[in-house]
Amino acid sequence: MKREHDGKGNSTTQQDKCPACGSKKRVFERLSEEAVELGAAPPGFKMGYQATQQIVGDPEWQAKQPMGGKVPVGGTVLDICYDCHALYAPVVHTGKAVKAPTPKKLVVPGQG
């Protein structure tokens, strides 16, 4: 497992093998390679089973924060072990996001 910190409170952890069986093969990573071979994706393309990004905290409390306030965020990329089928997170990100203003009215394309 490899963990990198940027000195600003953000970190990325990468796990190159399955924690259950030690295999380095992943289902969706292999499918990504196949997509490249078939011309369905550009060279170097990698896709996990699922990717998530989440703001952590109570939305009502966050609404009271001033613009520029920071909130903790986390993100994961999930994949499935090719050999034992364990679901695990080869990539985990944690850090802080800066609160930005939200638009009062969204403009629908063509109705601007």
C-alpha atoms as a PDB file:
ATOM      1  CA  MET A   1       0.000   0.000   0.000  1.00  0.00           C
ATOM      2  CA  LYS A   2       1.304   3.433  -0.941  1.00  0.00           C
ATOM      3  CA  ARG A   3       0.104   6.626   0.773  1.00  0.00           C
ATOM      4  CA  GLU A   4       0.913  10.134  -0.479  1.00  0.00           C
ATOM      5  CA  HIS A   5       0.239  13.410   1.367  1.00  0.00           C
ATOM      6  CA  ASP A   6       0.410  16.822  -0.290  1.00  0.00           C
ATOM      7  CA  GLY A   7       1.050  18.770   2.936  1.00  0.00           C
ATOM      8  CA  LYS A   8      -2.330  20.551   2.650  1.00  0.00           C
ATOM      9  CA  GLY A   9      -4.455  17.885   4.322  1.00  0.00           C
ATOM     10  CA  ASN A  10      -5.097  15.844   1.173  1.00  0.00           C
ATOM     11  CA  SER A  11      -3.962  12.255   0.789  1.00  0.00           C
ATOM     12  CA  THR A  12      -4.191   9.433  -1.729  1.00  0.00           C
ATOM     13  CA  THR A  13      -3.798   5.789  -0.799  1.00  0.00           C
ATOM     14  CA  GLN A  14      -3.182   3.214  -3.528  1.00  0.00           C
ATOM     15  CA  GLN A  15      -3.337  -0.510  -3.003  1.00  0.00           C
ATOM     16  CA  ASP A  16      -1.819  -2.503  -5.857  1.00  0.00           C
ATOM     17  CA  LYS A  17      -3.010  -5.936  -4.770  1.00  0.00           C
ATOM     18  CA  CYS A  18      -6.122  -7.559  -3.347  1.00  0.00           C
ATOM     19  CA  PRO A  19      -6.147  -7.483   0.471  1.00  0.00           C
ATOM     20  CA  ALA A  20      -7.874 -10.890   0.549  1.00  0.00           C
ATOM     21  CA  CYS A  21      -5.712 -13.017  -1.772  1.00  0.00           C
ATOM     22  CA  GLY A  22      -2.803 -10.815  -2.920  1.00  0.00           C
ATOM     23  CA  SER A  23      -3.667 -10.905  -6.642  1.00  0.00           C
ATOM     24  CA  LYS A  24      -2.733  -7.848  -8.721  1.00  0.00           C
ATOM     25  CA  LYS A  25      -5.432  -8.563 -11.332  1.00  0.00           C
ATOM     26  CA  ARG A  26      -8.694  -6.582 -11.290  1.00  0.00           C
ATOM     27  CA  VAL A  27     -11.846  -7.237 -13.323  1.00  0.00           C
ATOM     28  CA  PHE A  28     -12.569  -3.699 -14.560  1.00  0.00           C
ATOM     29  CA  GLU A  29      -8.919  -2.830 -15.034  1.00  0.00           C
ATOM     30  CA  ARG A  30      -8.663  -5.850 -17.373  1.00  0.00           C
ATOM     31  CA  LEU A  31     -11.885  -4.848 -19.146  1.00  0.00           C
ATOM     32  CA  SER A  32     -10.405  -1.356 -19.612  1.00  0.00           C
ATOM     33  CA  GLU A  33      -7.354  -2.889 -21.314  1.00  0.00           C
ATOM     34  CA  GLU A  34      -9.692  -4.877 -23.567  1.00  0.00           C
ATOM     35  CA  ALA A  35     -11.626  -1.692 -24.434  1.00  0.00           C
ATOM     36  CA  VAL A  36      -8.343  -0.074 -25.541  1.00  0.00           C
ATOM     37  CA  GLU A  37      -7.437  -3.125 -27.652  1.00  0.00           C
ATOM     38  CA  LEU A  38     -10.863  -3.032 -29.348  1.00  0.00           C
ATOM     39  CA  GLY A  39     -10.571   0.699 -30.076  1.00  0.00           C
ATOM     40  CA  ALA A  40     -13.373   1.616 -27.660  1.00  0.00           C
ATOM     41  CA  ALA A  41     -11.117   3.707 -25.400  1.00  0.00           C
ATOM     42  CA  PRO A  42      -7.889   5.725 -25.750  1.00  0.00           C
ATOM     43  CA  PRO A  43      -4.464   4.285 -24.796  1.00  0.00           C
ATOM     44  CA  GLY A  44      -3.880   4.339 -21.036  1.00  0.00           C
ATOM     45  CA  PHE A  45      -7.617   4.294 -20.251  1.00  0.00           C
ATOM     46  CA  LYS A  46      -8.490   2.787 -16.845  1.00  0.00           C
ATOM     47  CA  MET A  47     -11.925   2.488 -15.312  1.00  0.00           C
ATOM     48  CA  GLY A  48     -12.891   0.996 -11.968  1.00  0.00           C
ATOM     49  CA  TYR A  49     -16.098  -0.809 -11.105  1.00  0.00           C
ATOM     50  CA  GLN A  50     -17.381   2.273  -9.318  1.00  0.00           C
ATOM     51  CA  ALA A  51     -15.985   5.688  -8.413  1.00  0.00           C
ATOM     52  CA  THR A  52     -17.458   7.860  -5.675  1.00  0.00           C
ATOM     53  CA  GLN A  53     -16.801  11.287  -4.256  1.00  0.00           C
ATOM     54  CA  GLN A  54     -18.554  12.495  -1.135  1.00  0.00           C
ATOM     55  CA  ILE A  55     -18.712  15.613   0.989  1.00  0.00           C
ATOM     56  CA  VAL A  56     -18.711  14.614   4.662  1.00  0.00           C
ATOM     57  CA  GLY A  57     -20.876  16.541   7.111  1.00  0.00           C
ATOM     58  CA  ASP A  58     -24.380  17.755   7.843  1.00  0.00           C
ATOM     59  CA  PRO A  59     -25.880  19.682   4.879  1.00  0.00           C
ATOM     60  CA  GLU A  60     -27.805  22.038   7.210  1.00  0.00           C
ATOM     61  CA  TRP A  61     -24.610  22.993   9.056  1.00  0.00           C
ATOM     62  CA  GLN A  62     -22.671  23.326   5.818  1.00  0.00           C
ATOM     63  CA  ALA A  63     -25.347  25.693   4.466  1.00  0.00           C
ATOM     64  CA  LYS A  64     -24.522  28.037   7.375  1.00  0.00           C
ATOM     65  CA  GLN A  65     -20.804  28.093   6.540  1.00  0.00           C
ATOM     66  CA  PRO A  66     -19.506  31.204   4.767  1.00  0.00           C
ATOM     67  CA  MET A  67     -18.240  30.955   1.183  1.00  0.00           C
ATOM     68  CA  GLY A  68     -14.621  29.847   1.242  1.00  0.00           C
ATOM     69  CA  GLY A  69     -15.256  27.563   4.232  1.00  0.00           C
ATOM     70  CA  LYS A  70     -13.702  24.122   4.035  1.00  0.00           C
ATOM     71  CA  VAL A  71     -15.460  20.774   4.175  1.00  0.00           C
ATOM     72  CA  PRO A  72     -13.930  17.288   4.351  1.00  0.00           C
ATOM     73  CA  VAL A  73     -14.283  15.126   1.242  1.00  0.00           C
ATOM     74  CA  GLY A  74     -13.533  11.525   0.466  1.00  0.00           C
ATOM     75  CA  GLY A  75     -13.425   9.548  -2.730  1.00  0.00           C
ATOM     76  CA  THR A  76     -12.881   5.943  -3.698  1.00  0.00           C
ATOM     77  CA  VAL A  77     -12.353   3.863  -6.797  1.00  0.00           C
ATOM     78  CA  LEU A  78     -13.689   0.337  -6.342  1.00  0.00           C
ATOM     79  CA  ASP A  79     -12.792  -2.753  -8.352  1.00  0.00           C
ATOM     80  CA  ILE A  80     -13.229  -6.505  -8.063  1.00  0.00           C
ATOM     81  CA  CYS A  81     -10.371  -8.965  -7.645  1.00  0.00           C
ATOM     82  CA  TYR A  82     -10.081 -11.091 -10.786  1.00  0.00           C
ATOM     83  CA  ASP A  83      -9.063 -14.195  -8.829  1.00  0.00           C
ATOM     84  CA  CYS A  84     -11.140 -14.257  -5.613  1.00  0.00           C
ATOM     85  CA  HIS A  85     -13.872 -11.702  -6.548  1.00  0.00           C
ATOM     86  CA  ALA A  86     -13.377  -9.611  -3.420  1.00  0.00           C
ATOM     87  CA  LEU A  87     -14.625  -6.035  -3.779  1.00  0.00           C
ATOM     88  CA  TYR A  88     -12.017  -3.540  -2.578  1.00  0.00           C
ATOM     89  CA  ALA A  89     -10.805   0.046  -3.049  1.00  0.00           C
ATOM     90  CA  PRO A  90      -7.501   0.234  -4.948  1.00  0.00           C
ATOM     91  CA  VAL A  91      -7.619   4.052  -4.660  1.00  0.00           C
ATOM     92  CA  VAL A  92      -8.841   6.182  -1.722  1.00  0.00           C
ATOM     93  CA  HIS A  93      -8.648   9.997  -1.658  1.00  0.00           C
ATOM     94  CA  THR A  94      -9.287  12.188   1.391  1.00  0.00           C
ATOM     95  CA  GLY A  95      -9.000  15.920   1.706  1.00  0.00           C
ATOM     96  CA  LYS A  96     -10.753  19.246   1.967  1.00  0.00           C
ATOM     97  CA  ALA A  97     -12.917  21.151  -0.522  1.00  0.00           C
ATOM     98  CA  VAL A  98     -13.576  24.885  -0.467  1.00  0.00           C
ATOM     99  CA  LYS A  99     -17.224  25.905  -0.393  1.00  0.00           C
ATOM    100  CA  ALA A 100     -18.156  27.790  -3.551  1.00  0.00           C
ATOM    101  CA  PRO A 101     -21.277  29.865  -4.226  1.00  0.00           C
ATOM    102  CA  THR A 102     -24.195  27.994  -5.760  1.00  0.00           C
ATOM    103  CA  PRO A 103     -26.227  29.597  -8.538  1.00  0.00           C
ATOM    104  CA  LYS A 104     -29.649  30.884  -7.497  1.00  0.00           C
ATOM    105  CA  LYS A 105     -31.240  29.883 -10.805  1.00  0.00           C
ATOM    106  CA  LEU A 106     -29.935  27.280 -13.179  1.00  0.00           C
ATOM    107  CA  VAL A 107     -30.201  28.211 -16.839  1.00  0.00           C
ATOM    108  CA  VAL A 108     -31.479  25.451 -19.088  1.00  0.00           C
ATOM    109  CA  PRO A 109     -29.649  25.343 -22.444  1.00  0.00           C
ATOM    110  CA  GLY A 110     -31.799  26.908 -25.159  1.00  0.00           C
ATOM    111  CA  GLN A 111     -33.908  28.833 -22.624  1.00  0.00           C
ATOM    112  CA  GLY A 112     -31.156  31.169 -21.470  1.00  0.00           C
END
